[in-house]
Amino acid sequence: MCSRDSSELNFTRKRDRSIATANSNSPQSPNTRALGTLGENLVAEWLQQQGWEILHRQWHCRWGEIDIIALGTDEESKINIGNENSRFPIPDSQTLAFVEVKTRRPGNWDAGGMLAVSAAKQAKLWQTAEIFLSNRPDLANNSCRFDVALVRCEPLRQKAKPILTPLTGENSQSAAAEKYQLTLQEYIRSAFSN
C-alpha cells in the first residue's frame, strides 16, 4: 500500500468517526454532557430534599468545574451538650459540600463512575474549591467536604411510561427525565480529602 492509499484510509476513518459522533448527539440519544446534567439535576433535587441549599451548579474557573456546591447542616456537626441524650447543633456550623456527580449507563467500565474520580481529578476539584473559597470569603469559615454522587442512567423502553420511584432510603432516589430513568445509586459523603 502506498502512502496515498494510507492517507485516504485515514481520512475515511476520521470521516466515519465524525459521522458517528454527530449521530450520537442526536435528540434520540443525548450526548454525555446532557446526560450528566440530568444526573446533576437529580442529585440537586435530592440534596434540597435533605435540607441543603444549592449555592451553585456547574461552577467553573480555569482549573476545573464543580458540579454542585451546597450548604447545609450535617448530622456529624452536632455535639452532645449536657447529658448524652440531648443533641444540639453547633451555632453557625454549616458544611459546604463540593459534589462531583458521575452519571453512567449500564455496562460502564469505571465502577459506576467511582474510578473516574482519580487522584488527579481529586486534586483538580480541591484546587477549584480553593479558588471558589477565595472568591467567597464569607463561606471560608465553614467546614468543607468533597462528596461523590453516583447516578445510573437507563433508557426507557419505547412504550413504557416513566416510572417515578419515591425516595426509598437515604441513598436511593429515581426519576424519569426525557427518555431516561435516573437512579441515585450511591451518595458518598467525604469521599476524599487532601
C-alpha atoms as a PDB file:
ATOM      1  CA  MET A   1       0.000   0.000   0.000  1.00  0.00           C
ATOM      2  CA  CYS A   2       1.425   3.380  -0.927  1.00  0.00           C
ATOM      3  CA  SER A   3       1.285   6.451   1.299  1.00  0.00           C
ATOM      4  CA  ARG A   4      -1.540   7.951  -0.780  1.00  0.00           C
ATOM      5  CA  ASP A   5      -3.717   4.894  -0.100  1.00  0.00           C
ATOM      6  CA  SER A   6      -2.862   5.080   3.592  1.00  0.00           C
ATOM      7  CA  SER A   7      -3.808   8.758   3.853  1.00  0.00           C
ATOM      8  CA  GLU A   8      -7.120   8.105   2.059  1.00  0.00           C
ATOM      9  CA  LEU A   9      -7.852   5.277   4.500  1.00  0.00           C
ATOM     10  CA  ASN A  10      -7.083   7.546   7.480  1.00  0.00           C
ATOM     11  CA  PHE A  11      -9.316  10.276   6.019  1.00  0.00           C
ATOM     12  CA  THR A  12     -12.161   7.777   5.621  1.00  0.00           C
ATOM     13  CA  ARG A  13     -11.736   6.551   9.216  1.00  0.00           C
ATOM     14  CA  LYS A  14     -11.771  10.123  10.557  1.00  0.00           C
ATOM     15  CA  ARG A  15     -14.864  10.970   8.474  1.00  0.00           C
ATOM     16  CA  ASP A  16     -16.671   7.838   9.707  1.00  0.00           C
ATOM     17  CA  ARG A  17     -15.807   8.688  13.321  1.00  0.00           C
ATOM     18  CA  SER A  18     -17.073  12.264  12.942  1.00  0.00           C
ATOM     19  CA  ILE A  19     -20.345  10.986  11.429  1.00  0.00           C
ATOM     20  CA  ALA A  20     -20.750   8.510  14.302  1.00  0.00           C
ATOM     21  CA  THR A  21     -20.067  11.282  16.829  1.00  0.00           C
ATOM     22  CA  ALA A  22     -22.594  13.585  15.149  1.00  0.00           C
ATOM     23  CA  ASN A  23     -25.193  10.820  15.183  1.00  0.00           C
ATOM     24  CA  SER A  24     -24.616  10.106  18.875  1.00  0.00           C
ATOM     25  CA  ASN A  25     -25.550  13.726  19.641  1.00  0.00           C
ATOM     26  CA  SER A  26     -28.969  13.422  18.028  1.00  0.00           C
ATOM     27  CA  PRO A  27     -32.143  14.124  20.058  1.00  0.00           C
ATOM     28  CA  GLN A  28     -32.810  10.375  20.450  1.00  0.00           C
ATOM     29  CA  SER A  29     -29.532   9.823  22.269  1.00  0.00           C
ATOM     30  CA  PRO A  30     -28.384  12.914  24.159  1.00  0.00           C
ATOM     31  CA  ASN A  31     -24.680  13.490  24.442  1.00  0.00           C
ATOM     32  CA  THR A  32     -22.694  12.733  27.546  1.00  0.00           C
ATOM     33  CA  ARG A  33     -22.859  16.350  28.763  1.00  0.00           C
ATOM     34  CA  ALA A  34     -26.680  16.361  28.582  1.00  0.00           C
ATOM     35  CA  LEU A  35     -26.889  13.052  30.494  1.00  0.00           C
ATOM     36  CA  GLY A  36     -24.504  14.438  33.086  1.00  0.00           C
ATOM     37  CA  THR A  37     -26.727  17.480  33.542  1.00  0.00           C
ATOM     38  CA  LEU A  38     -29.756  15.213  34.033  1.00  0.00           C
ATOM     39  CA  GLY A  39     -27.849  13.350  36.751  1.00  0.00           C
ATOM     40  CA  GLU A  40     -26.824  16.622  38.394  1.00  0.00           C
ATOM     41  CA  ASN A  41     -30.475  17.750  38.392  1.00  0.00           C
ATOM     42  CA  LEU A  42     -31.479  14.570  40.225  1.00  0.00           C
ATOM     43  CA  VAL A  43     -28.726  14.971  42.838  1.00  0.00           C
ATOM     44  CA  ALA A  44     -29.503  18.681  43.352  1.00  0.00           C
ATOM     45  CA  GLU A  45     -33.175  17.872  43.961  1.00  0.00           C
ATOM     46  CA  TRP A  46     -32.215  15.086  46.373  1.00  0.00           C
ATOM     47  CA  LEU A  47     -29.885  17.414  48.308  1.00  0.00           C
ATOM     48  CA  GLN A  48     -32.641  20.013  48.582  1.00  0.00           C
ATOM     49  CA  GLN A  49     -34.981  17.331  49.947  1.00  0.00           C
ATOM     50  CA  GLN A  50     -32.301  16.619  52.560  1.00  0.00           C
ATOM     51  CA  GLY A  51     -32.366  20.292  53.609  1.00  0.00           C
ATOM     52  CA  TRP A  52     -29.315  21.538  51.709  1.00  0.00           C
ATOM     53  CA  GLU A  53     -29.219  24.883  49.902  1.00  0.00           C
ATOM     54  CA  ILE A  54     -27.775  24.715  46.386  1.00  0.00           C
ATOM     55  CA  LEU A  55     -25.394  27.653  46.018  1.00  0.00           C
ATOM     56  CA  HIS A  56     -24.019  26.879  42.569  1.00  0.00           C
ATOM     57  CA  ARG A  57     -24.404  24.419  39.726  1.00  0.00           C
ATOM     58  CA  GLN A  58     -21.547  23.742  37.293  1.00  0.00           C
ATOM     59  CA  TRP A  59     -19.328  26.395  38.896  1.00  0.00           C
ATOM     60  CA  HIS A  60     -16.140  26.683  36.882  1.00  0.00           C
ATOM     61  CA  CYS A  61     -12.869  28.506  36.701  1.00  0.00           C
ATOM     62  CA  ARG A  62      -9.775  27.918  34.625  1.00  0.00           C
ATOM     63  CA  TRP A  63      -8.747  24.941  36.800  1.00  0.00           C
ATOM     64  CA  GLY A  64     -11.933  22.958  36.510  1.00  0.00           C
ATOM     65  CA  GLU A  65     -15.595  22.647  37.337  1.00  0.00           C
ATOM     66  CA  ILE A  66     -17.546  21.668  40.421  1.00  0.00           C
ATOM     67  CA  ASP A  67     -20.890  20.098  39.578  1.00  0.00           C
ATOM     68  CA  ILE A  68     -22.780  21.187  42.707  1.00  0.00           C
ATOM     69  CA  ILE A  69     -21.839  23.413  45.633  1.00  0.00           C
ATOM     70  CA  ALA A  70     -24.278  23.063  48.519  1.00  0.00           C
ATOM     71  CA  LEU A  71     -24.548  24.484  52.015  1.00  0.00           C
ATOM     72  CA  GLY A  72     -26.243  22.654  54.869  1.00  0.00           C
ATOM     73  CA  THR A  73     -26.059  21.166  58.314  1.00  0.00           C
ATOM     74  CA  ASP A  74     -24.660  17.683  58.826  1.00  0.00           C
ATOM     75  CA  GLU A  75     -25.592  15.148  61.446  1.00  0.00           C
ATOM     76  CA  GLU A  76     -21.841  14.829  62.076  1.00  0.00           C
ATOM     77  CA  SER A  77     -21.689  18.534  63.004  1.00  0.00           C
ATOM     78  CA  LYS A  78     -23.882  18.022  66.077  1.00  0.00           C
ATOM     79  CA  ILE A  79     -22.309  17.603  69.503  1.00  0.00           C
ATOM     80  CA  ASN A  80     -23.527  16.432  72.868  1.00  0.00           C
ATOM     81  CA  ILE A  81     -24.264  19.227  75.275  1.00  0.00           C
ATOM     82  CA  GLY A  82     -25.216  18.310  78.825  1.00  0.00           C
ATOM     83  CA  ASN A  83     -26.386  14.703  79.063  1.00  0.00           C
ATOM     84  CA  GLU A  84     -25.869  12.035  76.405  1.00  0.00           C
ATOM     85  CA  ASN A  85     -29.433  12.238  75.088  1.00  0.00           C
ATOM     86  CA  SER A  86     -29.543  15.962  74.305  1.00  0.00           C
ATOM     87  CA  ARG A  87     -28.040  16.940  70.967  1.00  0.00           C
ATOM     88  CA  PHE A  88     -27.869  20.473  69.695  1.00  0.00           C
ATOM     89  CA  PRO A  89     -26.221  21.821  66.553  1.00  0.00           C
ATOM     90  CA  ILE A  90     -23.104  23.913  66.951  1.00  0.00           C
ATOM     91  CA  PRO A  91     -24.070  27.553  66.261  1.00  0.00           C
ATOM     92  CA  ASP A  92     -23.161  28.646  62.728  1.00  0.00           C
ATOM     93  CA  SER A  93     -21.680  25.224  61.949  1.00  0.00           C
ATOM     94  CA  GLN A  94     -22.760  24.727  58.402  1.00  0.00           C
ATOM     95  CA  THR A  95     -20.953  22.469  55.983  1.00  0.00           C
ATOM     96  CA  LEU A  96     -20.028  23.362  52.445  1.00  0.00           C
ATOM     97  CA  ALA A  97     -20.262  20.303  50.177  1.00  0.00           C
ATOM     98  CA  PHE A  98     -18.457  20.222  46.848  1.00  0.00           C
ATOM     99  CA  VAL A  99     -20.273  17.471  44.966  1.00  0.00           C
ATOM    100  CA  GLU A 100     -18.911  15.569  41.978  1.00  0.00           C
ATOM    101  CA  VAL A 101     -21.707  13.791  40.096  1.00  0.00           C
ATOM    102  CA  LYS A 102     -20.965  10.802  37.871  1.00  0.00           C
ATOM    103  CA  THR A 103     -23.830   9.639  35.651  1.00  0.00           C
ATOM    104  CA  ARG A 104     -23.284   6.313  33.933  1.00  0.00           C
ATOM    105  CA  ARG A 105     -25.227   3.946  31.717  1.00  0.00           C
ATOM    106  CA  PRO A 106     -25.337   0.197  32.441  1.00  0.00           C
ATOM    107  CA  GLY A 107     -22.213  -1.722  31.447  1.00  0.00           C
ATOM    108  CA  ASN A 108     -19.836   1.154  32.118  1.00  0.00           C
ATOM    109  CA  TRP A 109     -16.149   0.461  32.602  1.00  0.00           C
ATOM    110  CA  ASP A 110     -15.476   2.598  35.661  1.00  0.00           C
ATOM    111  CA  ALA A 111     -17.458   1.120  38.578  1.00  0.00           C
ATOM    112  CA  GLY A 112     -20.445   3.404  38.113  1.00  0.00           C
ATOM    113  CA  GLY A 113     -18.180   6.444  37.807  1.00  0.00           C
ATOM    114  CA  MET A 114     -16.184   5.994  41.000  1.00  0.00           C
ATOM    115  CA  LEU A 115     -12.950   5.104  39.168  1.00  0.00           C
ATOM    116  CA  ALA A 116     -13.240   8.371  37.216  1.00  0.00           C
ATOM    117  CA  VAL A 117     -12.638  10.282  40.455  1.00  0.00           C
ATOM    118  CA  SER A 118      -8.914   9.607  40.256  1.00  0.00           C
ATOM    119  CA  ALA A 119      -6.200  11.262  42.334  1.00  0.00           C
ATOM    120  CA  ALA A 120      -5.652  13.763  39.513  1.00  0.00           C
ATOM    121  CA  LYS A 121      -9.387  14.588  39.391  1.00  0.00           C
ATOM    122  CA  GLN A 122      -9.450  14.975  43.181  1.00  0.00           C
ATOM    123  CA  ALA A 123      -6.512  17.410  43.030  1.00  0.00           C
ATOM    124  CA  LYS A 124      -8.319  19.419  40.354  1.00  0.00           C
ATOM    125  CA  LEU A 125     -11.501  19.549  42.426  1.00  0.00           C
ATOM    126  CA  TRP A 126      -9.524  20.596  45.504  1.00  0.00           C
ATOM    127  CA  GLN A 127      -7.811  23.414  43.594  1.00  0.00           C
ATOM    128  CA  THR A 128     -11.114  24.552  42.070  1.00  0.00           C
ATOM    129  CA  ALA A 129     -12.728  24.578  45.529  1.00  0.00           C
ATOM    130  CA  GLU A 130      -9.868  26.711  46.873  1.00  0.00           C
ATOM    131  CA  ILE A 131     -10.430  29.246  44.084  1.00  0.00           C
ATOM    132  CA  PHE A 132     -14.176  29.232  44.810  1.00  0.00           C
ATOM    133  CA  LEU A 133     -13.490  29.931  48.501  1.00  0.00           C
ATOM    134  CA  SER A 134     -11.052  32.727  47.638  1.00  0.00           C
ATOM    135  CA  ASN A 135     -13.892  34.342  45.675  1.00  0.00           C
ATOM    136  CA  ARG A 136     -16.376  33.770  48.524  1.00  0.00           C
ATOM    137  CA  PRO A 137     -14.577  34.644  51.788  1.00  0.00           C
ATOM    138  CA  ASP A 138     -17.976  34.718  53.543  1.00  0.00           C
ATOM    139  CA  LEU A 139     -18.059  30.898  53.187  1.00  0.00           C
ATOM    140  CA  ALA A 140     -14.403  30.220  54.029  1.00  0.00           C
ATOM    141  CA  ASN A 141     -15.035  29.556  57.750  1.00  0.00           C
ATOM    142  CA  ASN A 142     -17.494  26.721  57.106  1.00  0.00           C
ATOM    143  CA  SER A 143     -16.288  23.155  57.279  1.00  0.00           C
ATOM    144  CA  CYS A 144     -15.860  21.711  53.796  1.00  0.00           C
ATOM    145  CA  ARG A 145     -16.106  18.249  52.321  1.00  0.00           C
ATOM    146  CA  PHE A 146     -15.955  16.577  48.918  1.00  0.00           C
ATOM    147  CA  ASP A 147     -18.859  14.263  48.102  1.00  0.00           C
ATOM    148  CA  VAL A 148     -19.357  11.945  45.139  1.00  0.00           C
ATOM    149  CA  ALA A 149     -22.795  11.045  43.773  1.00  0.00           C
ATOM    150  CA  LEU A 150     -23.105   8.006  41.502  1.00  0.00           C
ATOM    151  CA  VAL A 151     -26.158   8.100  39.216  1.00  0.00           C
ATOM    152  CA  ARG A 152     -27.288   5.244  36.980  1.00  0.00           C
ATOM    153  CA  CYS A 153     -28.982   6.173  33.701  1.00  0.00           C
ATOM    154  CA  GLU A 154     -31.076   3.651  31.770  1.00  0.00           C
ATOM    155  CA  PRO A 155     -33.093   4.315  28.623  1.00  0.00           C
ATOM    156  CA  LEU A 156     -36.841   3.872  28.977  1.00  0.00           C
ATOM    157  CA  ARG A 157     -38.477   1.396  26.633  1.00  0.00           C
ATOM    158  CA  GLN A 158     -40.424   2.953  23.753  1.00  0.00           C
ATOM    159  CA  LYS A 159     -43.906   2.103  25.090  1.00  0.00           C
ATOM    160  CA  ALA A 160     -43.053   2.170  28.785  1.00  0.00           C
ATOM    161  CA  LYS A 161     -44.357   5.049  30.848  1.00  0.00           C
ATOM    162  CA  PRO A 162     -41.806   6.859  33.000  1.00  0.00           C
ATOM    163  CA  ILE A 163     -41.729   5.354  36.481  1.00  0.00           C
ATOM    164  CA  LEU A 164     -41.195   7.820  39.278  1.00  0.00           C
ATOM    165  CA  THR A 165     -39.923   5.919  42.268  1.00  0.00           C
ATOM    166  CA  PRO A 166     -40.199   7.825  45.548  1.00  0.00           C
ATOM    167  CA  LEU A 167     -37.300   8.174  47.904  1.00  0.00           C
ATOM    168  CA  THR A 168     -36.811   4.651  49.251  1.00  0.00           C
ATOM    169  CA  GLY A 169     -33.847   5.224  51.508  1.00  0.00           C
ATOM    170  CA  GLU A 170     -31.204   7.728  52.367  1.00  0.00           C
ATOM    171  CA  ASN A 171     -29.053   6.799  49.362  1.00  0.00           C
ATOM    172  CA  SER A 172     -31.587   5.949  46.674  1.00  0.00           C
ATOM    173  CA  GLN A 173     -33.914   8.032  44.539  1.00  0.00           C
ATOM    174  CA  SER A 174     -35.192   7.657  40.987  1.00  0.00           C
ATOM    175  CA  ALA A 175     -36.789   9.962  38.465  1.00  0.00           C
ATOM    176  CA  ALA A 176     -37.616   9.879  34.787  1.00  0.00           C
ATOM    177  CA  ALA A 177     -36.110  12.629  32.658  1.00  0.00           C
ATOM    178  CA  GLU A 178     -36.524  12.886  28.905  1.00  0.00           C
ATOM    179  CA  LYS A 179     -36.284   9.252  27.747  1.00  0.00           C
ATOM    180  CA  TYR A 180     -34.226   8.015  30.689  1.00  0.00           C
ATOM    181  CA  GLN A 181     -34.733   6.539  34.131  1.00  0.00           C
ATOM    182  CA  LEU A 182     -32.167   8.017  36.514  1.00  0.00           C
ATOM    183  CA  THR A 183     -31.357   6.454  39.868  1.00  0.00           C
ATOM    184  CA  LEU A 184     -29.145   7.861  42.584  1.00  0.00           C
ATOM    185  CA  GLN A 185     -27.210   4.673  43.303  1.00  0.00           C
ATOM    186  CA  GLU A 186     -24.881   5.970  45.967  1.00  0.00           C
ATOM    187  CA  TYR A 187     -24.076   9.257  47.673  1.00  0.00           C
ATOM    188  CA  ILE A 188     -20.647   9.171  49.296  1.00  0.00           C
ATOM    189  CA  ARG A 189     -20.083  11.853  51.924  1.00  0.00           C
ATOM    190  CA  SER A 190     -16.490  12.976  52.427  1.00  0.00           C
ATOM    191  CA  ALA A 191     -15.359  10.722  49.599  1.00  0.00           C
ATOM    192  CA  PHE A 192     -11.833  12.105  49.666  1.00  0.00           C
ATOM    193  CA  SER A 193      -9.631  14.709  51.323  1.00  0.00           C
ATOM    194  CA  ASN A 194      -6.352  16.370  50.529  1.00  0.00           C
END
